[in-house]
PDB file of all heavy atoms in Angstrom:
ATOM      1  N   ALA A   1      63.108  19.277 -15.181  1.00  0.00           N
ATOM      2  CA  ALA A   1      63.876  20.428 -15.060  1.00  0.00           C
ATOM      3  C   ALA A   1      63.548  21.293 -13.929  1.00  0.00           C
ATOM      4  O   ALA A   1      62.436  21.309 -13.414  1.00  0.00           O
ATOM      5  CB  ALA A   1      63.880  21.201 -16.411  1.00  0.00           C
ATOM      6  N   GLY A   2      64.672  22.110 -13.396  1.00  0.00           N
ATOM      7  CA  GLY A   2      64.276  23.016 -12.361  1.00  0.00           C
ATOM      8  C   GLY A   2      64.386  22.459 -10.936  1.00  0.00           C
ATOM      9  O   GLY A   2      64.873  21.431 -10.730  1.00  0.00           O
ATOM     10  N   ILE A   3      63.968  23.239 -10.109  1.00  0.00           N
ATOM     11  CA  ILE A   3      63.942  22.995  -8.658  1.00  0.00           C
ATOM     12  C   ILE A   3      62.770  22.146  -8.208  1.00  0.00           C
ATOM     13  O   ILE A   3      61.827  22.064  -9.067  1.00  0.00           O
ATOM     14  CB  ILE A   3      64.017  24.155  -7.636  1.00  0.00           C
ATOM     15  CG1 ILE A   3      62.811  25.088  -7.963  1.00  0.00           C
ATOM     16  CG2 ILE A   3      65.333  24.990  -7.972  1.00  0.00           C
ATOM     17  CD1 ILE A   3      62.739  26.340  -6.949  1.00  0.00           C
ATOM     18  N   PRO A   4      62.832  21.509  -7.027  1.00  0.00           N
ATOM     19  CA  PRO A   4      61.610  20.670  -6.698  1.00  0.00           C
ATOM     20  C   PRO A   4      60.402  21.550  -6.611  1.00  0.00           C
ATOM     21  O   PRO A   4      60.374  22.787  -6.091  1.00  0.00           O
ATOM     22  CB  PRO A   4      62.021  20.075  -5.392  1.00  0.00           C
ATOM     23  CG  PRO A   4      63.504  20.057  -5.400  1.00  0.00           C
ATOM     24  CD  PRO A   4      63.870  21.335  -6.091  1.00  0.00           C
ATOM     25  N   THR A   5      59.244  20.983  -6.966  1.00  0.00           N
ATOM     26  CA  THR A   5      57.976  21.787  -7.037  1.00  0.00           C
ATOM     27  C   THR A   5      57.310  21.402  -5.604  1.00  0.00           C
ATOM     28  O   THR A   5      57.736  20.680  -4.759  1.00  0.00           O
ATOM     29  CB  THR A   5      57.067  21.156  -8.038  1.00  0.00           C
ATOM     30  OG1 THR A   5      56.751  19.813  -7.775  1.00  0.00           O
ATOM     31  CG2 THR A   5      57.650  21.294  -9.511  1.00  0.00           C
ATOM     32  N   ALA A   6      56.299  22.314  -5.323  1.00  0.00           N
ATOM     33  CA  ALA A   6      55.579  22.130  -4.076  1.00  0.00           C
ATOM     34  C   ALA A   6      54.970  20.676  -4.125  1.00  0.00           C
ATOM     35  O   ALA A   6      54.852  20.010  -2.993  1.00  0.00           O
ATOM     36  CB  ALA A   6      54.471  23.229  -4.016  1.00  0.00           C
ATOM     37  N   HIS A   7      54.570  20.193  -5.247  1.00  0.00           N
ATOM     38  CA  HIS A   7      53.995  18.719  -5.260  1.00  0.00           C
ATOM     39  C   HIS A   7      55.111  17.852  -4.859  1.00  0.00           C
ATOM     40  O   HIS A   7      54.776  16.969  -4.151  1.00  0.00           O
ATOM     41  CB  HIS A   7      53.422  18.519  -6.652  1.00  0.00           C
ATOM     42  CG  HIS A   7      52.883  17.178  -6.730  1.00  0.00           C
ATOM     43  ND1 HIS A   7      51.654  16.865  -6.124  1.00  0.00           N
ATOM     44  CD2 HIS A   7      53.047  16.146  -7.457  1.00  0.00           C
ATOM     45  CE1 HIS A   7      51.263  15.597  -6.434  1.00  0.00           C
ATOM     46  NE2 HIS A   7      52.257  15.153  -7.166  1.00  0.00           N
ATOM     47  N   ASP A   8      56.326  18.024  -5.339  1.00  0.00           N
ATOM     48  CA  ASP A   8      57.376  17.107  -5.009  1.00  0.00           C
ATOM     49  C   ASP A   8      57.575  17.145  -3.418  1.00  0.00           C
ATOM     50  O   ASP A   8      57.716  16.200  -2.882  1.00  0.00           O
ATOM     51  CB  ASP A   8      58.753  17.590  -5.655  1.00  0.00           C
ATOM     52  CG  ASP A   8      58.717  17.463  -7.213  1.00  0.00           C
ATOM     53  OD1 ASP A   8      57.954  16.682  -7.765  1.00  0.00           O
ATOM     54  OD2 ASP A   8      59.553  18.137  -7.833  1.00  0.00           O
ATOM     55  N   GLU A   9      57.687  18.296  -2.931  1.00  0.00           N
ATOM     56  CA  GLU A   9      57.838  18.639  -1.481  1.00  0.00           C
ATOM     57  C   GLU A   9      56.796  17.837  -0.647  1.00  0.00           C
ATOM     58  O   GLU A   9      57.122  17.320   0.396  1.00  0.00           O
ATOM     59  CB  GLU A   9      58.019  20.099  -1.043  1.00  0.00           C
ATOM     60  CG  GLU A   9      59.334  20.635  -1.759  1.00  0.00           C
ATOM     61  CD  GLU A   9      59.398  22.171  -1.435  1.00  0.00           C
ATOM     62  OE1 GLU A   9      59.071  22.404  -0.228  1.00  0.00           O
ATOM     63  OE2 GLU A   9      59.968  22.893  -2.210  1.00  0.00           O
ATOM     64  N   HIS A  10      55.606  17.946  -1.114  1.00  0.00           N
ATOM     65  CA  HIS A  10      54.375  17.314  -0.344  1.00  0.00           C
ATOM     66  C   HIS A  10      54.530  15.862  -0.402  1.00  0.00           C
ATOM     67  O   HIS A  10      54.280  15.263   0.594  1.00  0.00           O
ATOM     68  CB  HIS A  10      53.149  17.804  -0.958  1.00  0.00           C
ATOM     69  CG  HIS A  10      51.902  17.164  -0.356  1.00  0.00           C
ATOM     70  ND1 HIS A  10      51.525  17.485   0.881  1.00  0.00           N
ATOM     71  CD2 HIS A  10      51.125  16.245  -0.878  1.00  0.00           C
ATOM     72  CE1 HIS A  10      50.421  16.738   1.218  1.00  0.00           C
ATOM     73  NE2 HIS A  10      50.169  15.953   0.151  1.00  0.00           N
ATOM     74  N   ARG A  11      55.074  15.270  -1.463  1.00  0.00           N
ATOM     75  CA  ARG A  11      54.943  13.803  -1.613  1.00  0.00           C
ATOM     76  C   ARG A  11      56.313  13.265  -1.054  1.00  0.00           C
ATOM     77  O   ARG A  11      56.221  11.891  -0.695  1.00  0.00           O
ATOM     78  CB  ARG A  11      54.955  13.315  -3.103  1.00  0.00           C
ATOM     79  CG  ARG A  11      53.752  13.679  -3.786  1.00  0.00           C
ATOM     80  CD  ARG A  11      53.793  13.398  -5.296  1.00  0.00           C
ATOM     81  NE  ARG A  11      54.670  12.336  -5.687  1.00  0.00           N
ATOM     82  CZ  ARG A  11      54.992  12.189  -6.941  1.00  0.00           C
ATOM     83  NH1 ARG A  11      54.680  12.873  -7.843  1.00  0.00           N
ATOM     84  NH2 ARG A  11      55.891  11.188  -7.118  1.00  0.00           N
ATOM     85  N   ALA A  12      57.333  13.945  -0.911  1.00  0.00           N
ATOM     86  CA  ALA A  12      58.646  13.343  -0.531  1.00  0.00           C
ATOM     87  C   ALA A  12      58.651  12.979   0.972  1.00  0.00           C
ATOM     88  O   ALA A  12      58.282  13.567   1.899  1.00  0.00           O
ATOM     89  CB  ALA A  12      59.808  14.278  -0.809  1.00  0.00           C
ATOM     90  N   PHE A  13      59.466  11.813   1.103  1.00  0.00           N
ATOM     91  CA  PHE A  13      59.802  11.391   2.580  1.00  0.00           C
ATOM     92  C   PHE A  13      60.956  12.379   2.997  1.00  0.00           C
ATOM     93  O   PHE A  13      60.980  12.765   4.116  1.00  0.00           O
ATOM     94  CB  PHE A  13      60.263  10.095   2.596  1.00  0.00           C
ATOM     95  CG  PHE A  13      60.970   9.610   3.811  1.00  0.00           C
ATOM     96  CD1 PHE A  13      60.109   9.370   4.911  1.00  0.00           C
ATOM     97  CD2 PHE A  13      62.315   9.493   3.913  1.00  0.00           C
ATOM     98  CE1 PHE A  13      60.779   8.950   6.142  1.00  0.00           C
ATOM     99  CE2 PHE A  13      62.931   9.109   5.130  1.00  0.00           C
ATOM    100  CZ  PHE A  13      62.049   8.753   6.196  1.00  0.00           C
ATOM    101  N   LYS A  14      61.844  12.614   1.928  1.00  0.00           N
ATOM    102  CA  LYS A  14      62.945  13.485   2.346  1.00  0.00           C
ATOM    103  C   LYS A  14      63.454  14.223   1.110  1.00  0.00           C
ATOM    104  O   LYS A  14      63.436  13.781  -0.041  1.00  0.00           O
ATOM    105  CB  LYS A  14      64.093  12.647   2.799  1.00  0.00           C
ATOM    106  CG  LYS A  14      65.350  13.442   3.337  1.00  0.00           C
ATOM    107  CD  LYS A  14      66.521  12.638   3.789  1.00  0.00           C
ATOM    108  CE  LYS A  14      66.088  12.215   5.228  1.00  0.00           C
ATOM    109  NZ  LYS A  14      67.271  11.423   5.835  1.00  0.00           N
ATOM    110  N   LEU A  15      63.713  15.600   1.224  1.00  0.00           N
ATOM    111  CA  LEU A  15      64.289  16.368   0.190  1.00  0.00           C
ATOM    112  C   LEU A  15      65.843  16.349   0.486  1.00  0.00           C
ATOM    113  O   LEU A  15      66.339  16.614   1.493  1.00  0.00           O
ATOM    114  CB  LEU A  15      63.756  17.748   0.261  1.00  0.00           C
ATOM    115  CG  LEU A  15      62.284  18.045   0.127  1.00  0.00           C
ATOM    116  CD1 LEU A  15      61.763  19.199   0.597  1.00  0.00           C
ATOM    117  CD2 LEU A  15      61.892  17.607  -1.272  1.00  0.00           C
ATOM    118  N   ILE A  16      66.603  16.137  -0.670  1.00  0.00           N
ATOM    119  CA  ILE A  16      68.020  16.232  -0.562  1.00  0.00           C
ATOM    120  C   ILE A  16      68.698  17.153  -1.620  1.00  0.00           C
ATOM    121  O   ILE A  16      68.078  17.190  -2.783  1.00  0.00           O
ATOM    122  CB  ILE A  16      68.750  14.743  -0.631  1.00  0.00           C
ATOM    123  CG1 ILE A  16      68.237  13.966  -1.867  1.00  0.00           C
ATOM    124  CG2 ILE A  16      68.344  13.990   0.619  1.00  0.00           C
ATOM    125  CD1 ILE A  16      68.713  12.543  -1.948  1.00  0.00           C
ATOM    126  N   GLY A  17      69.750  17.615  -1.292  1.00  0.00           N
ATOM    127  CA  GLY A  17      70.310  18.635  -2.142  1.00  0.00           C
ATOM    128  C   GLY A  17      69.987  20.044  -1.686  1.00  0.00           C
ATOM    129  O   GLY A  17      69.186  20.230  -0.855  1.00  0.00           O
ATOM    130  N   ASP A  18      70.705  21.086  -2.213  1.00  0.00           N
ATOM    131  CA  ASP A  18      70.696  22.404  -1.664  1.00  0.00           C
ATOM    132  C   ASP A  18      70.283  23.454  -2.767  1.00  0.00           C
ATOM    133  O   ASP A  18      71.038  23.665  -3.686  1.00  0.00           O
ATOM    134  CB  ASP A  18      72.037  22.777  -0.968  1.00  0.00           C
ATOM    135  CG  ASP A  18      71.902  24.259  -0.360  1.00  0.00           C
ATOM    136  OD1 ASP A  18      70.888  24.824  -0.198  1.00  0.00           O
ATOM    137  OD2 ASP A  18      73.007  24.795  -0.083  1.00  0.00           O
ATOM    138  N   TRP A  19      69.117  23.949  -2.792  1.00  0.00           N
ATOM    139  CA  TRP A  19      68.618  24.906  -3.621  1.00  0.00           C
ATOM    140  C   TRP A  19      68.367  26.273  -2.901  1.00  0.00           C
ATOM    141  O   TRP A  19      67.505  27.088  -3.408  1.00  0.00           O
ATOM    142  CB  TRP A  19      67.490  24.403  -4.537  1.00  0.00           C
ATOM    143  CG  TRP A  19      66.199  24.077  -3.775  1.00  0.00           C
ATOM    144  CD1 TRP A  19      65.135  24.888  -3.534  1.00  0.00           C
ATOM    145  CD2 TRP A  19      65.890  22.849  -3.277  1.00  0.00           C
ATOM    146  NE1 TRP A  19      64.209  24.186  -2.928  1.00  0.00           N
ATOM    147  CE2 TRP A  19      64.684  22.935  -2.623  1.00  0.00           C
ATOM    148  CE3 TRP A  19      66.602  21.569  -3.141  1.00  0.00           C
ATOM    149  CZ2 TRP A  19      64.095  21.735  -2.020  1.00  0.00           C
ATOM    150  CZ3 TRP A  19      65.948  20.606  -2.424  1.00  0.00           C
ATOM    151  CH2 TRP A  19      64.820  20.643  -1.845  1.00  0.00           C
ATOM    152  N   SER A  20      68.993  26.469  -1.750  1.00  0.00           N
ATOM    153  CA  SER A  20      68.792  27.643  -0.865  1.00  0.00           C
ATOM    154  C   SER A  20      69.159  28.900  -1.468  1.00  0.00           C
ATOM    155  O   SER A  20      68.656  29.967  -1.262  1.00  0.00           O
ATOM    156  CB  SER A  20      69.422  27.409   0.497  1.00  0.00           C
ATOM    157  OG  SER A  20      70.856  27.335   0.237  1.00  0.00           O
ATOM    158  N   ASP A  21      70.049  28.768  -2.537  1.00  0.00           N
ATOM    159  CA  ASP A  21      70.429  30.158  -3.177  1.00  0.00           C
ATOM    160  C   ASP A  21      69.516  30.416  -4.345  1.00  0.00           C
ATOM    161  O   ASP A  21      69.818  31.531  -4.988  1.00  0.00           O
ATOM    162  CB  ASP A  21      71.887  29.892  -3.709  1.00  0.00           C
ATOM    163  CG  ASP A  21      72.028  28.689  -4.755  1.00  0.00           C
ATOM    164  OD1 ASP A  21      71.150  27.741  -4.758  1.00  0.00           O
ATOM    165  OD2 ASP A  21      73.058  28.705  -5.476  1.00  0.00           O
ATOM    166  N   VAL A  22      68.529  29.701  -4.509  1.00  0.00           N
ATOM    167  CA  VAL A  22      67.479  29.973  -5.565  1.00  0.00           C
ATOM    168  C   VAL A  22      66.328  30.712  -4.939  1.00  0.00           C
ATOM    169  O   VAL A  22      65.499  30.176  -4.271  1.00  0.00           O
ATOM    170  CB  VAL A  22      67.026  28.736  -6.153  1.00  0.00           C
ATOM    171  CG1 VAL A  22      66.055  29.088  -7.229  1.00  0.00           C
ATOM    172  CG2 VAL A  22      68.114  27.876  -6.736  1.00  0.00           C
ATOM    173  N   ALA A  23      66.481  32.156  -4.949  1.00  0.00           N
ATOM    174  CA  ALA A  23      65.497  32.818  -4.233  1.00  0.00           C
ATOM    175  C   ALA A  23      64.236  33.166  -5.064  1.00  0.00           C
ATOM    176  O   ALA A  23      63.131  33.428  -4.763  1.00  0.00           O
ATOM    177  CB  ALA A  23      66.066  34.179  -3.797  1.00  0.00           C
ATOM    178  N   ALA A  24      64.377  33.171  -6.489  1.00  0.00           N
ATOM    179  CA  ALA A  24      63.273  33.326  -7.360  1.00  0.00           C
ATOM    180  C   ALA A  24      63.462  32.480  -8.661  1.00  0.00           C
ATOM    181  O   ALA A  24      64.536  31.976  -8.959  1.00  0.00           O
ATOM    182  CB  ALA A  24      63.264  34.819  -7.732  1.00  0.00           C
ATOM    183  N   GLU A  25      62.435  32.385  -9.343  1.00  0.00           N
ATOM    184  CA  GLU A  25      62.389  31.632 -10.648  1.00  0.00           C
ATOM    185  C   GLU A  25      63.487  31.913 -11.635  1.00  0.00           C
ATOM    186  O   GLU A  25      64.224  31.063 -12.196  1.00  0.00           O
ATOM    187  CB  GLU A  25      61.030  31.775 -11.427  1.00  0.00           C
ATOM    188  CG  GLU A  25      60.817  30.880 -12.575  1.00  0.00           C
ATOM    189  CD  GLU A  25      60.691  29.403 -12.112  1.00  0.00           C
ATOM    190  OE1 GLU A  25      60.133  29.205 -10.946  1.00  0.00           O
ATOM    191  OE2 GLU A  25      60.994  28.566 -12.810  1.00  0.00           O
ATOM    192  N   GLU A  26      63.846  33.250 -11.572  1.00  0.00           N
ATOM    193  CA  GLU A  26      64.971  33.711 -12.494  1.00  0.00           C
ATOM    194  C   GLU A  26      66.378  33.320 -11.977  1.00  0.00           C
ATOM    195  O   GLU A  26      67.331  33.309 -12.725  1.00  0.00           O
ATOM    196  CB  GLU A  26      64.890  35.179 -12.855  1.00  0.00           C
ATOM    197  CG  GLU A  26      65.022  36.059 -11.656  1.00  0.00           C
ATOM    198  CD  GLU A  26      63.630  36.332 -11.052  1.00  0.00           C
ATOM    199  OE1 GLU A  26      62.555  35.800 -11.525  1.00  0.00           O
ATOM    200  OE2 GLU A  26      63.593  37.122 -10.129  1.00  0.00           O
ATOM    201  N   ASP A  27      66.474  32.842 -10.781  1.00  0.00           N
ATOM    202  CA  ASP A  27      67.620  32.477 -10.099  1.00  0.00           C
ATOM    203  C   ASP A  27      67.981  31.011 -10.360  1.00  0.00           C
ATOM    204  O   ASP A  27      69.158  30.443 -10.069  1.00  0.00           O
ATOM    205  CB  ASP A  27      67.635  32.543  -8.621  1.00  0.00           C
ATOM    206  CG  ASP A  27      67.523  34.112  -8.200  1.00  0.00           C
ATOM    207  OD1 ASP A  27      67.975  34.826  -9.086  1.00  0.00           O
ATOM    208  OD2 ASP A  27      67.099  34.416  -7.098  1.00  0.00           O
ATOM    209  N   VAL A  28      66.979  30.166 -10.860  1.00  0.00           N
ATOM    210  CA  VAL A  28      67.222  28.698 -11.075  1.00  0.00           C
ATOM    211  C   VAL A  28      68.325  28.641 -12.255  1.00  0.00           C
ATOM    212  O   VAL A  28      68.105  29.096 -13.280  1.00  0.00           O
ATOM    213  CB  VAL A  28      65.935  27.956 -11.437  1.00  0.00           C
ATOM    214  CG1 VAL A  28      66.174  26.687 -11.744  1.00  0.00           C
ATOM    215  CG2 VAL A  28      64.904  28.099 -10.451  1.00  0.00           C
ATOM    216  N   PRO A  29      69.309  27.891 -11.973  1.00  0.00           N
ATOM    217  CA  PRO A  29      70.331  27.618 -12.956  1.00  0.00           C
ATOM    218  C   PRO A  29      69.656  26.923 -14.214  1.00  0.00           C
ATOM    219  O   PRO A  29      68.810  26.080 -14.035  1.00  0.00           O
ATOM    220  CB  PRO A  29      71.331  26.720 -12.134  1.00  0.00           C
ATOM    221  CG  PRO A  29      71.137  26.859 -10.785  1.00  0.00           C
ATOM    222  CD  PRO A  29      69.706  27.222 -10.758  1.00  0.00           C
ATOM    223  N   GLU A  30      70.099  27.295 -15.466  1.00  0.00           N
ATOM    224  CA  GLU A  30      69.571  26.663 -16.693  1.00  0.00           C
ATOM    225  C   GLU A  30      69.721  25.176 -16.618  1.00  0.00           C
ATOM    226  O   GLU A  30      68.920  24.462 -17.148  1.00  0.00           O
ATOM    227  CB  GLU A  30      70.203  27.298 -17.819  1.00  0.00           C
ATOM    228  CG  GLU A  30      69.655  26.938 -19.062  1.00  0.00           C
ATOM    229  CD  GLU A  30      70.190  27.670 -20.347  1.00  0.00           C
ATOM    230  OE1 GLU A  30      70.344  28.846 -20.101  1.00  0.00           O
ATOM    231  OE2 GLU A  30      70.459  27.023 -21.256  1.00  0.00           O
ATOM    232  N   GLN A  31      70.629  24.580 -16.017  1.00  0.00           N
ATOM    233  CA  GLN A  31      70.893  23.170 -16.116  1.00  0.00           C
ATOM    234  C   GLN A  31      70.352  22.462 -14.800  1.00  0.00           C
ATOM    235  O   GLN A  31      70.602  21.266 -14.744  1.00  0.00           O
ATOM    236  CB  GLN A  31      72.441  22.805 -16.116  1.00  0.00           C
ATOM    237  CG  GLN A  31      73.335  23.485 -17.147  1.00  0.00           C
ATOM    238  CD  GLN A  31      72.872  23.384 -18.535  1.00  0.00           C
ATOM    239  OE1 GLN A  31      72.110  24.376 -18.807  1.00  0.00           O
ATOM    240  NE2 GLN A  31      73.070  22.413 -19.304  1.00  0.00           N
TER     241      GLN A  31
END
C-alpha cells in the first residue's frame, strides 16, 4: 500500500506512474 518507498526507488531499474501530487504522507490517497 502507498507510494514507492526509498528502498523501492533504490532497487528499481525504472519508476513508472505519477505520484508528484503526493507532497506529504497525509496526501497519499487511501487506495
